[in-house]
C-alpha cells in the first residue's frame, strides 16, 4: 500500500468516525426533546448516560487526528481537513451536552401536560437538527455549498427562538399557572439555539477545510 493510498484510507476512517459521533449527537437531541415533551424520566436517563459514549468518541477522533498529523505529514488540503475535524468534534461534543441538559430539564416537568409552546419547540428542534445533520454530511462529502446553506439557515433558527421567547412572555402573563413550564420551554429553546450555533461553527470549519478561509466562530 503506497503512502497516499494509506492516507486516503485514514481520512475515510476519520470521516466515518465524525459521522458516527454526529449521528449519536443528533439522535440525543431528538430523544431529549421527546423526553421533555412526554416527561419520560427513563428516556431522559438514557440520553444522559449516552453522553459518555459521545465523550469517548471525541477522545477517539482526537487521537485519530493526532496520529494523522504526527505520522503522515499531510499536505495543505489534508492538513486543513484534519485540523477541521479536531475543531468540529468540540462542537459535536457540546451538542451532546445540550441534549443532556434538555434531558435534565425533563426531570423537573412534574408531568405538566399539555406543555405550552411544544409545537414551536418541536419545529425549532427539527430545524437545528436538520442543520446539524446536513453540515456533518457536508464535511464528509467536502460540500462547501451545503455547508453555506446551513450557515444561512441559522436565521430561521434564531427567528424560531425569538418566537418561543415571545410565547413564553405571553404565557406567563396570560397563564401564570404555566409559568414554570413556560420557563423550562425557554431553556430548551436556548439549548436548541446553541445546537444551531454549533452547526454554524462546523459549517464555517467545513468551508475552511476546502478554501483555507475561516470566519470567526459564533461561540466558544
Protein backbone atom coordinates (compact mmCIF):
# COMPACT_ATOMS: atom_id res chain seq x y z
CA UNK A 1 0.00 0.00 0.00
CA UNK A 2 1.58 3.36 -1.04
CA UNK A 3 1.67 6.34 1.29
CA UNK A 4 -1.09 8.29 -0.47
CA UNK A 5 -3.48 5.35 -0.53
CA UNK A 6 -2.86 4.64 3.14
CA UNK A 7 -3.50 8.27 3.97
CA UNK A 8 -6.75 8.28 1.97
CA UNK A 9 -7.90 5.23 3.93
CA UNK A 10 -7.11 7.00 7.20
CA UNK A 11 -9.01 10.11 6.08
CA UNK A 12 -12.02 7.98 5.19
CA UNK A 13 -11.92 6.33 8.61
CA UNK A 14 -11.76 9.78 10.18
CA UNK A 15 -14.84 10.90 8.25
CA UNK A 16 -16.69 7.75 9.32
CA UNK A 17 -15.85 8.46 12.96
CA UNK A 18 -17.06 12.06 12.65
CA UNK A 19 -20.27 10.79 11.05
CA UNK A 20 -20.79 8.26 13.85
CA UNK A 21 -20.27 10.88 16.53
CA UNK A 22 -22.57 13.32 14.76
CA UNK A 23 -25.29 10.71 14.32
CA UNK A 24 -25.23 9.92 18.04
CA UNK A 25 -25.40 13.59 18.99
CA UNK A 26 -28.29 14.27 16.59
CA UNK A 27 -30.20 11.28 17.98
CA UNK A 28 -29.53 12.52 21.53
CA UNK A 29 -31.10 15.90 20.73
CA UNK A 30 -34.18 14.27 19.21
CA UNK A 31 -34.63 11.88 22.13
CA UNK A 32 -34.03 14.61 24.71
CA UNK A 33 -36.78 16.79 23.22
CA UNK A 34 -39.09 13.77 23.17
CA UNK A 35 -38.27 13.06 26.83
CA UNK A 36 -39.03 16.68 27.68
CA UNK A 37 -42.38 16.63 25.86
CA UNK A 38 -43.53 13.40 27.49
CA UNK A 39 -41.78 13.81 30.87
CA UNK A 40 -40.21 10.41 30.22
CA UNK A 41 -37.65 10.04 33.00
CA UNK A 42 -36.33 6.73 31.67
CA UNK A 43 -35.66 8.15 28.22
CA UNK A 44 -34.05 11.20 29.80
CA UNK A 45 -31.73 8.94 31.78
CA UNK A 46 -30.77 7.08 28.61
CA UNK A 47 -29.83 10.36 26.93
CA UNK A 48 -27.77 11.44 29.94
CA UNK A 49 -25.97 8.11 30.14
CA UNK A 50 -25.38 8.11 26.39
CA UNK A 51 -23.42 11.35 26.60
CA UNK A 52 -20.48 9.36 27.92
CA UNK A 53 -20.31 7.49 24.58
CA UNK A 54 -20.14 10.80 22.71
CA UNK A 55 -17.38 11.99 25.05
CA UNK A 56 -15.39 8.81 24.44
CA UNK A 57 -15.79 9.19 20.69
CA UNK A 58 -14.45 12.72 20.94
CA UNK A 59 -11.27 11.37 22.53
CA UNK A 60 -11.03 8.63 19.90
CA UNK A 61 -11.39 11.04 16.99
CA UNK A 62 -8.88 13.41 18.55
CA UNK A 63 -6.42 10.51 18.74
CA UNK A 64 -7.04 9.66 15.07
CA UNK A 65 -6.32 13.26 14.13
CA UNK A 66 -3.10 13.40 16.13
CA UNK A 67 -1.87 10.16 14.58
CA UNK A 68 -2.55 11.53 11.11
CA UNK A 69 -0.73 14.77 11.87
CA UNK A 70 2.29 13.17 13.50
CA UNK A 71 2.80 10.17 11.24
CA UNK A 72 1.61 11.23 7.82
CA UNK A 73 2.87 14.81 7.44
CA UNK A 74 -0.21 15.86 5.44
CA UNK A 75 -0.15 18.35 2.58
CA UNK A 76 -2.05 21.64 2.98
CA UNK A 77 -5.52 20.48 1.92
CA UNK A 78 -5.33 17.31 4.02
CA UNK A 79 -3.93 19.28 6.95
CA UNK A 80 -6.95 21.58 6.81
CA UNK A 81 -9.33 18.60 6.76
CA UNK A 82 -7.72 17.03 9.82
CA UNK A 83 -7.49 20.36 11.66
CA UNK A 84 -11.14 20.96 10.82
CA UNK A 85 -12.09 17.60 12.32
CA UNK A 86 -10.29 18.46 15.57
CA UNK A 87 -12.30 21.68 15.84
CA UNK A 88 -15.58 20.04 14.83
CA UNK A 89 -15.52 17.37 17.50
CA UNK A 90 -15.62 20.05 20.18
CA UNK A 91 -18.83 21.44 18.69
CA UNK A 92 -20.32 17.95 18.31
CA UNK A 93 -19.48 17.12 21.93
CA UNK A 94 -21.17 20.33 23.06
CA UNK A 95 -24.27 19.43 21.07
CA UNK A 96 -24.30 16.20 23.06
CA UNK A 97 -24.03 18.31 26.22
CA UNK A 98 -27.02 20.40 25.10
CA UNK A 99 -29.05 17.22 24.65
CA UNK A 100 -28.03 16.13 28.15
CA UNK A 101 -29.13 19.49 29.57
CA UNK A 102 -32.54 19.20 27.87
CA UNK A 103 -32.90 15.69 29.27
CA UNK A 104 -32.12 17.00 32.75
CA UNK A 105 -34.89 19.61 32.39
CA UNK A 106 -37.42 16.89 31.62
CA UNK A 107 -36.93 15.57 35.14
CA UNK A 108 -38.46 18.77 36.52
CA UNK A 109 -41.63 18.87 34.47
CA UNK A 110 -43.71 17.03 37.09
CA UNK A 111 -45.97 15.57 34.39
CA UNK A 112 -47.26 19.01 33.45
CA UNK A 113 -49.46 18.43 30.40
CA UNK A 114 -50.10 19.83 27.96
CA UNK A 115 -46.72 21.59 27.86
CA UNK A 116 -47.14 25.10 26.42
CA UNK A 117 -45.20 26.09 23.29
CA UNK A 118 -44.38 22.49 22.41
CA UNK A 119 -45.31 22.87 18.74
CA UNK A 120 -42.79 25.69 18.30
CA UNK A 121 -40.18 23.80 20.33
CA UNK A 122 -40.59 20.78 18.05
CA UNK A 123 -40.30 22.98 14.94
CA UNK A 124 -37.12 24.53 16.29
CA UNK A 125 -35.69 21.14 17.25
CA UNK A 126 -36.34 19.85 13.74
CA UNK A 127 -34.72 22.95 12.23
CA UNK A 128 -31.48 22.81 14.20
CA UNK A 129 -31.15 19.03 13.95
CA UNK A 130 -31.57 19.26 10.17
CA UNK A 131 -28.84 21.90 10.14
CA UNK A 132 -26.55 19.72 12.21
CA UNK A 133 -27.04 16.56 10.19
CA UNK A 134 -26.64 18.45 6.90
CA UNK A 135 -23.37 20.04 7.99
CA UNK A 136 -21.91 16.71 9.13
CA UNK A 137 -22.72 15.26 5.70
CA UNK A 138 -21.19 18.37 4.13
CA UNK A 139 -17.93 17.64 5.93
CA UNK A 140 -17.90 14.00 4.86
CA UNK A 141 -18.61 14.94 1.22
CA UNK A 142 -16.50 18.10 1.19
CA UNK A 143 -19.59 20.02 0.06
CA UNK A 144 -18.93 23.71 0.71
CA UNK A 145 -22.22 24.89 -0.81
CA UNK A 146 -24.20 22.63 1.53
CA UNK A 147 -22.22 23.96 4.50
CA UNK A 148 -23.00 27.53 3.45
CA UNK A 149 -26.70 26.67 3.28
CA UNK A 150 -26.51 25.57 6.92
CA UNK A 151 -24.88 28.86 7.90
CA UNK A 152 -27.66 30.79 6.14
CA UNK A 153 -30.36 28.68 7.80
CA UNK A 154 -29.27 29.93 11.21
CA UNK A 155 -31.51 32.97 10.67
CA UNK A 156 -34.50 30.60 10.66
CA UNK A 157 -33.38 29.01 13.92
CA UNK A 158 -32.87 32.43 15.52
CA UNK A 159 -36.33 33.55 14.40
CA UNK A 160 -37.88 30.46 15.99
CA UNK A 161 -36.02 31.17 19.22
CA UNK A 162 -37.41 34.71 19.24
CA UNK A 163 -40.88 33.25 18.66
CA UNK A 164 -40.51 30.93 21.64
CA UNK A 165 -39.26 33.80 23.79
CA UNK A 166 -42.33 35.90 22.95
CA UNK A 167 -44.63 32.93 23.56
CA UNK A 168 -43.03 32.41 26.96
CA UNK A 169 -43.74 36.04 27.88
CA UNK A 170 -47.34 35.76 26.67
CA UNK A 171 -47.86 32.51 28.60
CA UNK A 172 -46.52 33.94 31.86
CA UNK A 173 -48.79 36.99 31.53
CA UNK A 174 -51.96 35.15 30.47
CA UNK A 175 -51.49 31.77 32.19
CA UNK A 176 -49.33 32.35 35.28
CA UNK A 177 -50.06 28.81 36.48
CA UNK A 178 -47.98 27.64 33.48
CA UNK A 179 -45.07 29.96 34.25
CA UNK A 180 -42.66 27.23 35.42
CA UNK A 181 -43.35 25.03 32.41
CA UNK A 182 -43.01 28.03 30.09
CA UNK A 183 -39.63 28.91 31.57
CA UNK A 184 -38.46 25.33 31.09
CA UNK A 185 -39.53 25.62 27.45
CA UNK A 186 -37.47 28.78 27.18
CA UNK A 187 -34.42 26.91 28.50
CA UNK A 188 -34.97 24.11 25.97
CA UNK A 189 -35.17 26.70 23.20
CA UNK A 190 -31.92 28.24 24.44
CA UNK A 191 -30.16 24.89 24.31
CA UNK A 192 -31.55 24.29 20.82
CA UNK A 193 -30.30 27.70 19.73
CA UNK A 194 -26.84 26.60 20.84
CA UNK A 195 -27.16 23.45 18.73
CA UNK A 196 -27.82 25.70 15.74
CA UNK A 197 -24.84 27.87 16.61
CA UNK A 198 -22.59 24.82 16.86
CA UNK A 199 -23.85 23.66 13.45
CA UNK A 200 -22.87 27.07 12.06
CA UNK A 201 -19.42 26.74 13.62
CA UNK A 202 -19.00 23.36 11.94
CA UNK A 203 -20.18 24.83 8.64
CA UNK A 204 -17.52 27.51 8.87
CA UNK A 205 -14.87 24.85 9.53
CA UNK A 206 -16.07 22.84 6.53
CA UNK A 207 -15.70 25.96 4.41
CA UNK A 208 -12.22 26.49 5.82
CA UNK A 209 -11.22 22.90 5.06
CA UNK A 210 -11.90 23.49 1.36
CA UNK A 211 -10.99 27.19 0.92
CA UNK A 212 -8.47 27.97 3.64
CA UNK A 213 -10.66 30.90 4.76
CA UNK A 214 -12.45 30.89 8.13
CA UNK A 215 -14.80 33.39 9.72
CA UNK A 216 -14.79 33.89 13.46
CA UNK A 217 -16.81 31.18 15.25
CA UNK A 218 -20.09 32.33 16.79
CA UNK A 219 -19.48 30.71 20.16
CA UNK A 220 -16.71 29.03 22.09
